[in-house]
Amino acid sequence: MDNLRQIIETHISKDIEILSVKFDSRASFIKIIIDSVNEISVDKTAMLAKEIKNNEKIISNFPQGIKLEVGTPGIGSMLEKIFQYKKNIGRKIKLEYYYKDNIINGTYLLTSASDIDIIVEQDSNKYIIEYNDIISAKVKISFN
């Protein structure tokens, strides 16, 4: 179904971004991951799932029904968008990035995020890392 994402986008408000849409035709299953600068409640994801599932185009393309899941990135999910870095300022992140010809891994405190780069701290040292040098970044969850 080529226009699946377009159908879904008609139900998503401007402050929410679709991170991924996965479709399994054999199981008639759609999984949508969304995120926003603002918190997305469980009620909001449930409402979106209901709206999408009741869309006439979805109903006509899946007359036997569809399993639909709408959620937000879980704990340990990769940071993919600039706004995700911005909303996690003050948190520790596990970061893998390119520096010159090397790949660097470490846990850092995310202190700033602009539209071009992030600033992180580790052992009282500050590092400026451009987004295009980042291989992966995940918020490090700790229970103190």
N, C-alpha and C. Protein backbone atom coordinates (compact mmCIF):
# COMPACT_ATOMS: atom_id res chain seq x y z
N MET A 1 0.86 -1.18 0.00
CA MET A 1 0.00 0.00 0.00
C MET A 1 0.90 1.23 0.00
N ASP A 2 1.07 1.82 -1.16
CA ASP A 2 2.02 2.91 -1.33
C ASP A 2 1.65 4.19 -0.58
N ASN A 3 0.38 4.48 -0.46
CA ASN A 3 0.00 5.74 0.15
C ASN A 3 -0.34 5.61 1.64
N LEU A 4 0.08 4.55 2.26
CA LEU A 4 -0.19 4.31 3.68
C LEU A 4 0.31 5.47 4.54
N ARG A 5 1.54 5.89 4.31
CA ARG A 5 2.10 6.99 5.09
C ARG A 5 1.29 8.27 4.90
N GLN A 6 0.83 8.52 3.68
CA GLN A 6 0.02 9.72 3.41
C GLN A 6 -1.30 9.66 4.18
N ILE A 7 -1.91 8.50 4.24
CA ILE A 7 -3.15 8.35 5.00
C ILE A 7 -2.90 8.63 6.47
N ILE A 8 -1.82 8.08 7.00
CA ILE A 8 -1.47 8.27 8.41
C ILE A 8 -1.20 9.74 8.70
N GLU A 9 -0.47 10.41 7.81
CA GLU A 9 -0.11 11.81 8.01
C GLU A 9 -1.33 12.72 8.12
N THR A 10 -2.45 12.35 7.51
CA THR A 10 -3.66 13.18 7.61
C THR A 10 -4.21 13.21 9.03
N HIS A 11 -3.82 12.26 9.85
CA HIS A 11 -4.32 12.18 11.23
C HIS A 11 -3.32 12.71 12.26
N ILE A 12 -2.12 13.05 11.81
CA ILE A 12 -1.05 13.47 12.72
C ILE A 12 -0.99 15.00 12.76
N SER A 13 -1.03 15.57 13.95
CA SER A 13 -0.96 17.03 14.09
C SER A 13 0.45 17.53 13.78
N LYS A 14 0.55 18.81 13.52
CA LYS A 14 1.82 19.43 13.09
C LYS A 14 2.92 19.30 14.14
N ASP A 15 2.57 19.19 15.42
CA ASP A 15 3.58 19.12 16.47
C ASP A 15 4.11 17.70 16.69
N ILE A 16 3.59 16.75 15.94
CA ILE A 16 4.03 15.35 16.07
C ILE A 16 4.72 14.93 14.78
N GLU A 17 5.80 14.18 14.94
CA GLU A 17 6.54 13.69 13.78
C GLU A 17 6.50 12.17 13.74
N ILE A 18 6.29 11.65 12.55
CA ILE A 18 6.31 10.19 12.35
C ILE A 18 7.77 9.77 12.20
N LEU A 19 8.24 8.91 13.09
CA LEU A 19 9.60 8.40 13.00
C LEU A 19 9.68 7.16 12.11
N SER A 20 8.66 6.31 12.19
CA SER A 20 8.67 5.13 11.33
C SER A 20 7.27 4.58 11.16
N VAL A 21 7.09 3.93 10.01
CA VAL A 21 5.86 3.19 9.71
C VAL A 21 6.31 1.84 9.17
N LYS A 22 5.92 0.79 9.86
CA LYS A 22 6.25 -0.56 9.41
C LYS A 22 4.96 -1.31 9.12
N PHE A 23 4.95 -1.97 7.98
CA PHE A 23 3.76 -2.67 7.54
C PHE A 23 4.11 -4.11 7.22
N ASP A 24 3.39 -5.04 7.82
CA ASP A 24 3.55 -6.47 7.54
C ASP A 24 2.25 -6.94 6.88
N SER A 25 2.31 -7.13 5.57
CA SER A 25 1.11 -7.50 4.82
C SER A 25 0.60 -8.90 5.18
N ARG A 26 1.50 -9.81 5.49
CA ARG A 26 1.08 -11.18 5.84
C ARG A 26 0.24 -11.20 7.11
N ALA A 27 0.60 -10.36 8.07
CA ALA A 27 -0.11 -10.34 9.34
C ALA A 27 -1.14 -9.21 9.41
N SER A 28 -1.25 -8.43 8.33
CA SER A 28 -2.13 -7.24 8.33
C SER A 28 -1.87 -6.40 9.57
N PHE A 29 -0.61 -6.03 9.73
CA PHE A 29 -0.16 -5.30 10.93
C PHE A 29 0.59 -4.04 10.53
N ILE A 30 0.22 -2.93 11.15
CA ILE A 30 0.91 -1.65 10.95
C ILE A 30 1.41 -1.18 12.31
N LYS A 31 2.69 -0.81 12.35
CA LYS A 31 3.28 -0.25 13.57
C LYS A 31 3.81 1.15 13.24
N ILE A 32 3.34 2.13 14.00
CA ILE A 32 3.71 3.53 13.78
C ILE A 32 4.40 4.05 15.02
N ILE A 33 5.58 4.64 14.85
CA ILE A 33 6.30 5.26 15.96
C ILE A 33 6.29 6.77 15.72
N ILE A 34 5.83 7.50 16.72
CA ILE A 34 5.75 8.96 16.64
C ILE A 34 6.50 9.59 17.81
N ASP A 35 6.88 10.85 17.64
CA ASP A 35 7.50 11.58 18.74
C ASP A 35 7.21 13.06 18.55
N SER A 36 7.47 13.82 19.58
CA SER A 36 7.21 15.25 19.56
C SER A 36 8.09 15.95 20.57
N VAL A 37 8.24 17.25 20.37
CA VAL A 37 8.95 18.07 21.36
C VAL A 37 8.20 17.98 22.68
N ASN A 38 6.88 17.94 22.61
CA ASN A 38 6.03 17.85 23.79
C ASN A 38 5.74 16.38 24.10
N GLU A 39 5.35 16.13 25.32
CA GLU A 39 5.01 14.78 25.74
C GLU A 39 3.79 14.28 24.97
N ILE A 40 3.81 13.03 24.60
CA ILE A 40 2.66 12.40 23.93
C ILE A 40 2.07 11.39 24.91
N SER A 41 0.83 11.62 25.29
CA SER A 41 0.19 10.74 26.27
C SER A 41 -0.27 9.43 25.63
N VAL A 42 -0.52 8.46 26.47
CA VAL A 42 -1.06 7.18 26.02
C VAL A 42 -2.44 7.41 25.40
N ASP A 43 -3.21 8.32 25.98
CA ASP A 43 -4.53 8.64 25.44
C ASP A 43 -4.42 9.18 24.02
N LYS A 44 -3.42 10.01 23.77
CA LYS A 44 -3.21 10.58 22.44
C LYS A 44 -2.86 9.48 21.43
N THR A 45 -1.97 8.56 21.80
CA THR A 45 -1.62 7.48 20.87
C THR A 45 -2.83 6.57 20.61
N ALA A 46 -3.63 6.33 21.64
CA ALA A 46 -4.83 5.50 21.47
C ALA A 46 -5.83 6.19 20.55
N MET A 47 -5.98 7.50 20.71
CA MET A 47 -6.90 8.26 19.87
C MET A 47 -6.44 8.23 18.41
N LEU A 48 -5.12 8.40 18.20
CA LEU A 48 -4.58 8.35 16.83
C LEU A 48 -4.79 6.97 16.21
N ALA A 49 -4.55 5.93 16.98
CA ALA A 49 -4.74 4.57 16.47
C ALA A 49 -6.20 4.36 16.05
N LYS A 50 -7.12 4.84 16.85
CA LYS A 50 -8.54 4.68 16.54
C LYS A 50 -8.91 5.45 15.27
N GLU A 51 -8.42 6.69 15.16
CA GLU A 51 -8.70 7.51 13.98
C GLU A 51 -8.16 6.85 12.71
N ILE A 52 -6.93 6.37 12.78
CA ILE A 52 -6.30 5.75 11.60
C ILE A 52 -7.02 4.46 11.23
N LYS A 53 -7.33 3.66 12.23
CA LYS A 53 -8.00 2.38 11.97
C LYS A 53 -9.39 2.58 11.37
N ASN A 54 -10.04 3.71 11.72
CA ASN A 54 -11.38 4.00 11.21
C ASN A 54 -11.37 4.83 9.93
N ASN A 55 -10.21 5.10 9.39
CA ASN A 55 -10.10 5.84 8.13
C ASN A 55 -10.71 5.00 7.01
N GLU A 56 -11.54 5.63 6.18
CA GLU A 56 -12.23 4.90 5.10
C GLU A 56 -11.26 4.19 4.16
N LYS A 57 -10.14 4.82 3.85
CA LYS A 57 -9.17 4.20 2.95
C LYS A 57 -8.52 2.98 3.59
N ILE A 58 -8.27 3.04 4.89
CA ILE A 58 -7.72 1.88 5.60
C ILE A 58 -8.74 0.75 5.60
N ILE A 59 -9.99 1.08 5.91
CA ILE A 59 -11.05 0.07 5.96
C ILE A 59 -11.23 -0.59 4.59
N SER A 60 -11.21 0.22 3.52
CA SER A 60 -11.42 -0.35 2.19
C SER A 60 -10.24 -1.20 1.72
N ASN A 61 -9.02 -0.86 2.16
CA ASN A 61 -7.84 -1.64 1.77
C ASN A 61 -7.65 -2.89 2.63
N PHE A 62 -8.29 -2.92 3.80
CA PHE A 62 -8.16 -4.06 4.71
C PHE A 62 -9.56 -4.51 5.17
N PRO A 63 -10.36 -5.06 4.25
CA PRO A 63 -11.73 -5.42 4.62
C PRO A 63 -11.82 -6.48 5.72
N GLN A 64 -10.74 -7.27 5.89
CA GLN A 64 -10.73 -8.28 6.95
C GLN A 64 -10.26 -7.71 8.28
N GLY A 65 -9.88 -6.42 8.27
CA GLY A 65 -9.40 -5.77 9.49
C GLY A 65 -7.88 -5.64 9.48
N ILE A 66 -7.40 -4.83 10.39
CA ILE A 66 -5.96 -4.55 10.50
C ILE A 66 -5.60 -4.46 11.97
N LYS A 67 -4.43 -4.97 12.31
CA LYS A 67 -3.88 -4.75 13.65
C LYS A 67 -3.02 -3.51 13.55
N LEU A 68 -3.21 -2.58 14.44
CA LEU A 68 -2.53 -1.30 14.38
C LEU A 68 -1.97 -0.94 15.74
N GLU A 69 -0.70 -0.54 15.74
CA GLU A 69 -0.04 -0.11 16.97
C GLU A 69 0.56 1.27 16.73
N VAL A 70 0.22 2.21 17.60
CA VAL A 70 0.81 3.55 17.56
C VAL A 70 1.50 3.76 18.89
N GLY A 71 2.79 4.11 18.84
CA GLY A 71 3.54 4.31 20.08
C GLY A 71 4.64 5.34 19.91
N THR A 72 5.32 5.57 20.98
CA THR A 72 6.46 6.49 21.00
C THR A 72 7.74 5.66 21.15
N PRO A 73 8.89 6.26 20.88
CA PRO A 73 10.14 5.50 21.04
C PRO A 73 10.27 5.01 22.48
N GLY A 74 10.70 3.81 22.62
CA GLY A 74 10.85 3.23 23.95
C GLY A 74 12.19 3.57 24.57
N ILE A 75 12.36 3.15 25.81
CA ILE A 75 13.62 3.33 26.50
C ILE A 75 14.72 2.65 25.69
N GLY A 76 15.79 3.35 25.50
CA GLY A 76 16.90 2.78 24.75
C GLY A 76 16.81 2.96 23.25
N SER A 77 15.76 3.65 22.79
CA SER A 77 15.65 3.92 21.35
C SER A 77 16.67 4.97 20.94
N MET A 78 17.06 4.90 19.69
CA MET A 78 18.02 5.86 19.15
C MET A 78 17.40 7.25 19.05
N LEU A 79 18.22 8.25 19.29
CA LEU A 79 17.82 9.61 19.00
C LEU A 79 18.04 9.82 17.50
N GLU A 80 17.00 10.22 16.79
CA GLU A 80 17.09 10.34 15.34
C GLU A 80 16.94 11.77 14.85
N LYS A 81 16.18 12.57 15.56
CA LYS A 81 15.84 13.92 15.11
C LYS A 81 16.44 14.95 16.06
N ILE A 82 16.70 16.13 15.52
CA ILE A 82 17.30 17.21 16.32
C ILE A 82 16.44 17.53 17.54
N PHE A 83 15.12 17.58 17.39
CA PHE A 83 14.27 17.92 18.53
C PHE A 83 14.40 16.90 19.65
N GLN A 84 14.75 15.64 19.33
CA GLN A 84 14.93 14.64 20.37
C GLN A 84 16.16 14.94 21.22
N TYR A 85 17.22 15.44 20.59
CA TYR A 85 18.39 15.85 21.35
C TYR A 85 18.03 17.03 22.25
N LYS A 86 17.33 18.00 21.69
CA LYS A 86 16.97 19.21 22.44
C LYS A 86 16.13 18.88 23.67
N LYS A 87 15.20 17.94 23.53
CA LYS A 87 14.34 17.64 24.68
C LYS A 87 15.03 16.75 25.72
N ASN A 88 16.22 16.26 25.40
CA ASN A 88 16.97 15.43 26.35
C ASN A 88 18.19 16.14 26.94
N ILE A 89 18.26 17.46 26.78
CA ILE A 89 19.35 18.23 27.40
C ILE A 89 19.29 18.03 28.90
N GLY A 90 20.47 17.80 29.50
CA GLY A 90 20.55 17.55 30.94
C GLY A 90 20.57 16.07 31.28
N ARG A 91 20.41 15.23 30.27
CA ARG A 91 20.45 13.79 30.49
C ARG A 91 21.75 13.21 29.96
N LYS A 92 22.08 12.03 30.48
CA LYS A 92 23.26 11.33 29.98
C LYS A 92 22.87 10.56 28.73
N ILE A 93 23.78 10.58 27.75
CA ILE A 93 23.54 9.82 26.53
C ILE A 93 24.73 8.94 26.23
N LYS A 94 24.44 7.78 25.70
CA LYS A 94 25.48 6.87 25.21
C LYS A 94 25.67 7.24 23.74
N LEU A 95 26.89 7.60 23.39
CA LEU A 95 27.16 8.19 22.09
C LEU A 95 28.26 7.45 21.37
N GLU A 96 28.06 7.25 20.08
CA GLU A 96 29.08 6.71 19.20
C GLU A 96 29.18 7.69 18.04
N TYR A 97 30.40 8.19 17.77
CA TYR A 97 30.55 9.20 16.73
C TYR A 97 31.93 9.14 16.11
N TYR A 98 32.03 9.78 14.95
CA TYR A 98 33.31 9.88 14.25
C TYR A 98 34.07 11.10 14.74
N TYR A 99 35.35 10.91 15.01
CA TYR A 99 36.25 12.02 15.30
C TYR A 99 37.51 11.77 14.48
N LYS A 100 37.71 12.62 13.49
CA LYS A 100 38.78 12.43 12.52
C LYS A 100 38.60 11.07 11.87
N ASP A 101 39.54 10.16 11.97
CA ASP A 101 39.39 8.84 11.35
C ASP A 101 39.04 7.75 12.36
N ASN A 102 38.60 8.15 13.55
CA ASN A 102 38.32 7.19 14.62
C ASN A 102 36.84 7.18 14.97
N ILE A 103 36.41 6.06 15.51
CA ILE A 103 35.07 5.97 16.08
C ILE A 103 35.22 6.03 17.59
N ILE A 104 34.52 6.97 18.20
CA ILE A 104 34.59 7.18 19.64
C ILE A 104 33.27 6.72 20.28
N ASN A 105 33.38 6.01 21.40
CA ASN A 105 32.22 5.57 22.18
C ASN A 105 32.35 6.11 23.58
N GLY A 106 31.23 6.47 24.17
CA GLY A 106 31.27 6.90 25.56
C GLY A 106 29.92 7.35 26.04
N THR A 107 29.86 7.61 27.33
CA THR A 107 28.67 8.15 27.96
C THR A 107 28.97 9.59 28.34
N TYR A 108 28.09 10.48 27.95
CA TYR A 108 28.30 11.92 28.12
C TYR A 108 27.03 12.56 28.68
N LEU A 109 27.21 13.73 29.27
CA LEU A 109 26.10 14.56 29.68
C LEU A 109 25.79 15.49 28.53
N LEU A 110 24.58 15.45 28.03
CA LEU A 110 24.16 16.32 26.94
C LEU A 110 23.83 17.70 27.53
N THR A 111 24.65 18.69 27.21
CA THR A 111 24.47 20.02 27.81
C THR A 111 23.83 21.03 26.87
N SER A 112 23.89 20.80 25.57
CA SER A 112 23.33 21.73 24.61
C SER A 112 23.06 21.03 23.29
N ALA A 113 22.08 21.54 22.57
CA ALA A 113 21.77 21.00 21.24
C ALA A 113 21.27 22.15 20.37
N SER A 114 21.97 22.38 19.28
CA SER A 114 21.56 23.41 18.32
C SER A 114 21.03 22.71 17.07
N ASP A 115 20.82 23.45 16.03
CA ASP A 115 20.37 22.85 14.78
C ASP A 115 21.51 22.22 14.00
N ILE A 116 22.76 22.41 14.46
CA ILE A 116 23.94 21.92 13.74
C ILE A 116 24.69 20.85 14.53
N ASP A 117 24.75 21.04 15.85
CA ASP A 117 25.58 20.16 16.67
C ASP A 117 25.07 20.06 18.09
N ILE A 118 25.74 19.19 18.84
CA ILE A 118 25.45 19.07 20.28
C ILE A 118 26.74 19.36 21.04
N ILE A 119 26.56 19.74 22.30
CA ILE A 119 27.70 19.88 23.21
C ILE A 119 27.47 18.89 24.35
N VAL A 120 28.49 18.08 24.58
CA VAL A 120 28.42 17.08 25.64
C VAL A 120 29.61 17.26 26.57
N GLU A 121 29.46 16.76 27.78
CA GLU A 121 30.54 16.82 28.77
C GLU A 121 30.85 15.41 29.27
N GLN A 122 32.15 15.22 29.53
CA GLN A 122 32.61 13.97 30.13
C GLN A 122 33.87 14.31 30.93
N ASP A 123 33.87 13.99 32.22
CA ASP A 123 35.03 14.24 33.08
C ASP A 123 35.51 15.69 32.97
N SER A 124 34.59 16.64 33.07
CA SER A 124 34.87 18.08 33.01
C SER A 124 35.40 18.55 31.66
N ASN A 125 35.37 17.71 30.64
CA ASN A 125 35.76 18.11 29.28
C ASN A 125 34.51 18.28 28.43
N LYS A 126 34.51 19.34 27.62
CA LYS A 126 33.39 19.59 26.71
C LYS A 126 33.77 19.20 25.30
N TYR A 127 32.81 18.62 24.60
CA TYR A 127 33.03 18.21 23.22
C TYR A 127 31.87 18.73 22.37
N ILE A 128 32.19 19.29 21.23
CA ILE A 128 31.18 19.73 20.27
C ILE A 128 31.16 18.70 19.15
N ILE A 129 30.00 18.13 18.90
CA ILE A 129 29.87 17.06 17.91
C ILE A 129 28.75 17.42 16.95
N GLU A 130 29.08 17.45 15.68
CA GLU A 130 28.06 17.73 14.67
C GLU A 130 27.18 16.50 14.47
N TYR A 131 25.92 16.75 14.15
CA TYR A 131 24.97 15.64 13.96
C TYR A 131 25.44 14.66 12.89
N ASN A 132 26.04 15.16 11.81
CA ASN A 132 26.44 14.25 10.73
C ASN A 132 27.64 13.38 11.12
N ASP A 133 28.27 13.64 12.27
CA ASP A 133 29.34 12.79 12.78
C ASP A 133 28.84 11.72 13.76
N ILE A 134 27.57 11.83 14.14
CA ILE A 134 27.00 10.90 15.12
C ILE A 134 26.56 9.62 14.42
N ILE A 135 27.06 8.51 14.92
CA ILE A 135 26.67 7.20 14.41
C ILE A 135 25.41 6.74 15.14
N SER A 136 25.43 6.84 16.47
CA SER A 136 24.26 6.47 17.27
C SER A 136 24.28 7.24 18.59
N ALA A 137 23.09 7.49 19.09
CA ALA A 137 22.93 8.15 20.38
C ALA A 137 21.67 7.62 21.04
N LYS A 138 21.82 7.24 22.30
CA LYS A 138 20.68 6.75 23.08
C LYS A 138 20.73 7.42 24.44
N VAL A 139 19.56 7.75 24.97
CA VAL A 139 19.49 8.27 26.32
C VAL A 139 19.83 7.14 27.28
N LYS A 140 20.72 7.41 28.19
CA LYS A 140 21.12 6.40 29.17
C LYS A 140 20.18 6.52 30.37
N ILE A 141 19.50 5.47 30.65
CA ILE A 141 18.55 5.44 31.75
C ILE A 141 19.23 4.90 32.99
N SER A 142 19.11 5.64 34.09
CA SER A 142 19.68 5.15 35.34
C SER A 142 18.65 5.31 36.45
N PHE A 143 18.64 4.39 37.35
CA PHE A 143 17.72 4.40 38.47
C PHE A 143 18.53 4.62 39.73
N ASN A 144 18.43 5.82 40.26
CA ASN A 144 19.20 6.16 41.48
C ASN A 144 18.29 6.19 42.68
